[in-house]
Amino acid sequence: MYPEADVPVIQLNRDYSRDAQYHYDLAKQLAGLRTKGVLIMGSGNMVHNLGKMSLKGKDFNETYGCDWAIEANELLKR
């Protein structure tokens, strides 16, 4: 989109432990960055496979997922 790479970017993920009001309030706080030319991108999690995703019966504080996804996520965090 920006071949000159001259646009500052902030990448955000949705925090599944927070409610919609939290995210709405966060967006209001970040709105001023748009007027300064900052691109705000929402991208989801670092590792995911939507074809294997299941939230049914899951506690968001619990660590779960495919072994390869957990391993990749830990590697990326390090």
N, C-alpha and C. Protein backbone atom coordinates (compact mmCIF):
# COMPACT_ATOMS: atom_id res chain seq x y z
N MET A 1 0.81 -1.20 0.00
CA MET A 1 0.00 0.00 0.00
C MET A 1 0.85 1.26 0.00
N TYR A 2 1.95 1.23 0.72
CA TYR A 2 2.81 2.40 0.84
C TYR A 2 4.24 1.99 0.49
N PRO A 3 4.58 1.94 -0.80
CA PRO A 3 5.89 1.43 -1.22
C PRO A 3 7.07 2.26 -0.70
N GLU A 4 6.84 3.50 -0.36
CA GLU A 4 7.93 4.33 0.17
C GLU A 4 8.17 4.07 1.66
N ALA A 5 7.28 3.30 2.27
CA ALA A 5 7.38 2.98 3.71
C ALA A 5 7.52 4.25 4.55
N ASP A 6 6.75 5.26 4.20
CA ASP A 6 6.86 6.55 4.89
C ASP A 6 5.65 6.84 5.79
N VAL A 7 4.92 5.80 6.15
CA VAL A 7 3.75 5.95 7.00
C VAL A 7 3.99 5.22 8.32
N PRO A 8 3.91 5.94 9.44
CA PRO A 8 4.05 5.24 10.73
C PRO A 8 2.84 4.32 10.94
N VAL A 9 3.11 3.14 11.50
CA VAL A 9 2.06 2.13 11.67
C VAL A 9 2.02 1.65 13.12
N ILE A 10 0.82 1.52 13.65
CA ILE A 10 0.60 0.88 14.94
C ILE A 10 -0.26 -0.34 14.67
N GLN A 11 0.16 -1.48 15.13
CA GLN A 11 -0.57 -2.73 14.95
C GLN A 11 -1.24 -3.08 16.27
N LEU A 12 -2.54 -3.36 16.22
CA LEU A 12 -3.30 -3.69 17.42
C LEU A 12 -3.99 -5.04 17.26
N ASN A 13 -4.14 -5.73 18.35
CA ASN A 13 -4.92 -6.96 18.40
C ASN A 13 -6.08 -6.74 19.35
N ARG A 14 -7.15 -7.44 19.12
CA ARG A 14 -8.28 -7.39 20.04
C ARG A 14 -7.90 -8.18 21.29
N ASP A 15 -8.22 -7.62 22.45
CA ASP A 15 -7.96 -8.29 23.72
C ASP A 15 -9.22 -9.05 24.10
N TYR A 16 -9.20 -10.36 23.92
CA TYR A 16 -10.39 -11.17 24.16
C TYR A 16 -10.81 -11.19 25.62
N SER A 17 -9.96 -10.74 26.53
CA SER A 17 -10.34 -10.70 27.94
C SER A 17 -11.09 -9.41 28.29
N ARG A 18 -11.20 -8.50 27.33
CA ARG A 18 -11.87 -7.22 27.57
C ARG A 18 -13.18 -7.15 26.79
N ASP A 19 -14.10 -6.31 27.27
CA ASP A 19 -15.40 -6.20 26.61
C ASP A 19 -15.37 -5.15 25.50
N ALA A 20 -16.50 -5.03 24.80
CA ALA A 20 -16.59 -4.11 23.67
C ALA A 20 -16.38 -2.66 24.09
N GLN A 21 -16.86 -2.29 25.27
CA GLN A 21 -16.70 -0.90 25.74
C GLN A 21 -15.23 -0.53 25.88
N TYR A 22 -14.43 -1.46 26.38
CA TYR A 22 -12.99 -1.21 26.51
C TYR A 22 -12.39 -0.88 25.14
N HIS A 23 -12.73 -1.66 24.13
CA HIS A 23 -12.17 -1.44 22.80
C HIS A 23 -12.69 -0.15 22.17
N TYR A 24 -13.94 0.17 22.43
CA TYR A 24 -14.50 1.42 21.93
C TYR A 24 -13.76 2.61 22.55
N ASP A 25 -13.55 2.55 23.87
CA ASP A 25 -12.83 3.63 24.56
C ASP A 25 -11.38 3.73 24.07
N LEU A 26 -10.75 2.60 23.83
CA LEU A 26 -9.38 2.61 23.31
C LEU A 26 -9.34 3.28 21.93
N ALA A 27 -10.31 2.95 21.08
CA ALA A 27 -10.36 3.55 19.74
C ALA A 27 -10.53 5.06 19.83
N LYS A 28 -11.34 5.54 20.77
CA LYS A 28 -11.52 6.99 20.94
C LYS A 28 -10.20 7.65 21.34
N GLN A 29 -9.43 6.97 22.20
CA GLN A 29 -8.15 7.52 22.63
C GLN A 29 -7.13 7.56 21.50
N LEU A 30 -7.20 6.59 20.61
CA LEU A 30 -6.24 6.51 19.51
C LEU A 30 -6.64 7.34 18.28
N ALA A 31 -7.86 7.82 18.26
CA ALA A 31 -8.39 8.53 17.08
C ALA A 31 -7.50 9.70 16.66
N GLY A 32 -6.90 10.39 17.61
CA GLY A 32 -6.04 11.53 17.29
C GLY A 32 -4.83 11.15 16.45
N LEU A 33 -4.40 9.91 16.53
CA LEU A 33 -3.25 9.48 15.73
C LEU A 33 -3.57 9.50 14.24
N ARG A 34 -4.82 9.25 13.90
CA ARG A 34 -5.21 9.26 12.48
C ARG A 34 -5.01 10.63 11.87
N THR A 35 -5.30 11.69 12.63
CA THR A 35 -5.13 13.04 12.10
C THR A 35 -3.66 13.40 11.94
N LYS A 36 -2.77 12.62 12.57
CA LYS A 36 -1.34 12.83 12.44
C LYS A 36 -0.73 11.92 11.38
N GLY A 37 -1.58 11.19 10.65
CA GLY A 37 -1.08 10.35 9.56
C GLY A 37 -0.60 8.97 9.97
N VAL A 38 -0.97 8.54 11.17
CA VAL A 38 -0.57 7.21 11.64
C VAL A 38 -1.60 6.19 11.16
N LEU A 39 -1.13 5.10 10.58
CA LEU A 39 -1.98 4.02 10.13
C LEU A 39 -2.16 3.04 11.28
N ILE A 40 -3.40 2.77 11.67
CA ILE A 40 -3.70 1.83 12.74
C ILE A 40 -4.26 0.57 12.10
N MET A 41 -3.57 -0.54 12.30
CA MET A 41 -3.99 -1.81 11.70
C MET A 41 -4.40 -2.80 12.77
N GLY A 42 -5.53 -3.43 12.59
CA GLY A 42 -5.95 -4.54 13.44
C GLY A 42 -5.68 -5.82 12.69
N SER A 43 -4.98 -6.75 13.33
CA SER A 43 -4.56 -7.92 12.56
C SER A 43 -4.93 -9.26 13.20
N GLY A 44 -5.58 -9.29 14.33
CA GLY A 44 -5.83 -10.58 14.97
C GLY A 44 -4.61 -11.04 15.72
N ASN A 45 -4.55 -12.30 16.03
CA ASN A 45 -3.42 -12.84 16.79
C ASN A 45 -2.23 -13.11 15.89
N MET A 46 -1.06 -13.31 16.51
CA MET A 46 0.16 -13.58 15.75
C MET A 46 0.06 -14.91 15.03
N VAL A 47 -0.58 -15.88 15.65
CA VAL A 47 -0.67 -17.22 15.09
C VAL A 47 -2.13 -17.65 15.16
N HIS A 48 -2.69 -18.04 14.03
CA HIS A 48 -4.03 -18.59 14.06
C HIS A 48 -4.31 -19.38 12.80
N ASN A 49 -5.24 -20.28 12.91
CA ASN A 49 -5.75 -21.06 11.80
C ASN A 49 -7.26 -21.07 11.98
N LEU A 50 -7.95 -20.20 11.27
CA LEU A 50 -9.38 -20.05 11.49
C LEU A 50 -10.15 -21.33 11.21
N GLY A 51 -9.60 -22.19 10.37
CA GLY A 51 -10.25 -23.45 10.08
C GLY A 51 -10.27 -24.39 11.27
N LYS A 52 -9.34 -24.21 12.20
CA LYS A 52 -9.26 -25.07 13.38
C LYS A 52 -9.73 -24.35 14.65
N MET A 53 -10.17 -23.11 14.51
CA MET A 53 -10.52 -22.31 15.66
C MET A 53 -11.85 -22.76 16.27
N SER A 54 -11.87 -22.87 17.58
CA SER A 54 -13.09 -23.18 18.31
C SER A 54 -13.02 -22.49 19.66
N LEU A 55 -14.00 -21.64 19.92
CA LEU A 55 -14.04 -20.92 21.20
C LEU A 55 -15.08 -21.53 22.13
N LYS A 56 -15.82 -22.49 21.65
CA LYS A 56 -16.90 -23.08 22.44
C LYS A 56 -16.35 -23.73 23.71
N GLY A 57 -16.81 -23.25 24.85
CA GLY A 57 -16.42 -23.83 26.12
C GLY A 57 -15.02 -23.46 26.58
N LYS A 58 -14.38 -22.50 25.95
CA LYS A 58 -13.01 -22.13 26.32
C LYS A 58 -13.00 -20.95 27.27
N ASP A 59 -12.11 -21.01 28.24
CA ASP A 59 -11.87 -19.91 29.15
C ASP A 59 -10.73 -19.10 28.54
N PHE A 60 -10.93 -17.80 28.34
CA PHE A 60 -9.91 -16.99 27.66
C PHE A 60 -8.64 -16.83 28.48
N ASN A 61 -8.65 -17.19 29.74
CA ASN A 61 -7.43 -17.15 30.54
C ASN A 61 -6.65 -18.45 30.44
N GLU A 62 -7.23 -19.43 29.79
CA GLU A 62 -6.62 -20.75 29.65
C GLU A 62 -5.75 -20.78 28.39
N THR A 63 -4.61 -21.44 28.47
CA THR A 63 -3.77 -21.61 27.30
C THR A 63 -4.23 -22.86 26.57
N TYR A 64 -4.59 -22.73 25.33
CA TYR A 64 -5.02 -23.86 24.53
C TYR A 64 -4.68 -23.59 23.08
N GLY A 65 -4.68 -24.61 22.30
CA GLY A 65 -4.44 -24.47 20.87
C GLY A 65 -3.60 -25.61 20.36
N CYS A 66 -3.35 -25.58 19.07
CA CYS A 66 -2.51 -26.60 18.44
C CYS A 66 -1.07 -26.42 18.93
N ASP A 67 -0.37 -27.53 19.09
CA ASP A 67 1.02 -27.48 19.57
C ASP A 67 1.88 -26.55 18.72
N TRP A 68 1.72 -26.62 17.39
CA TRP A 68 2.55 -25.80 16.50
C TRP A 68 2.24 -24.32 16.68
N ALA A 69 0.99 -23.98 16.96
CA ALA A 69 0.62 -22.57 17.13
C ALA A 69 1.16 -22.02 18.45
N ILE A 70 1.07 -22.83 19.51
CA ILE A 70 1.61 -22.41 20.80
C ILE A 70 3.11 -22.22 20.70
N GLU A 71 3.79 -23.15 20.05
CA GLU A 71 5.24 -23.05 19.88
C GLU A 71 5.64 -21.82 19.08
N ALA A 72 4.93 -21.57 17.97
CA ALA A 72 5.24 -20.40 17.14
C ALA A 72 4.97 -19.10 17.92
N ASN A 73 3.89 -19.07 18.66
CA ASN A 73 3.55 -17.89 19.44
C ASN A 73 4.62 -17.59 20.48
N GLU A 74 5.09 -18.61 21.17
CA GLU A 74 6.14 -18.42 22.17
C GLU A 74 7.43 -17.94 21.51
N LEU A 75 7.76 -18.50 20.36
CA LEU A 75 8.96 -18.09 19.62
C LEU A 75 8.87 -16.63 19.22
N LEU A 76 7.73 -16.21 18.71
CA LEU A 76 7.55 -14.82 18.29
C LEU A 76 7.63 -13.86 19.48
N LYS A 77 7.11 -14.27 20.63
CA LYS A 77 7.18 -13.41 21.81
C LYS A 77 8.62 -13.24 22.30
N ARG A 78 9.42 -14.29 22.17
CA ARG A 78 10.83 -14.19 22.59
C ARG A 78 11.59 -13.29 21.62
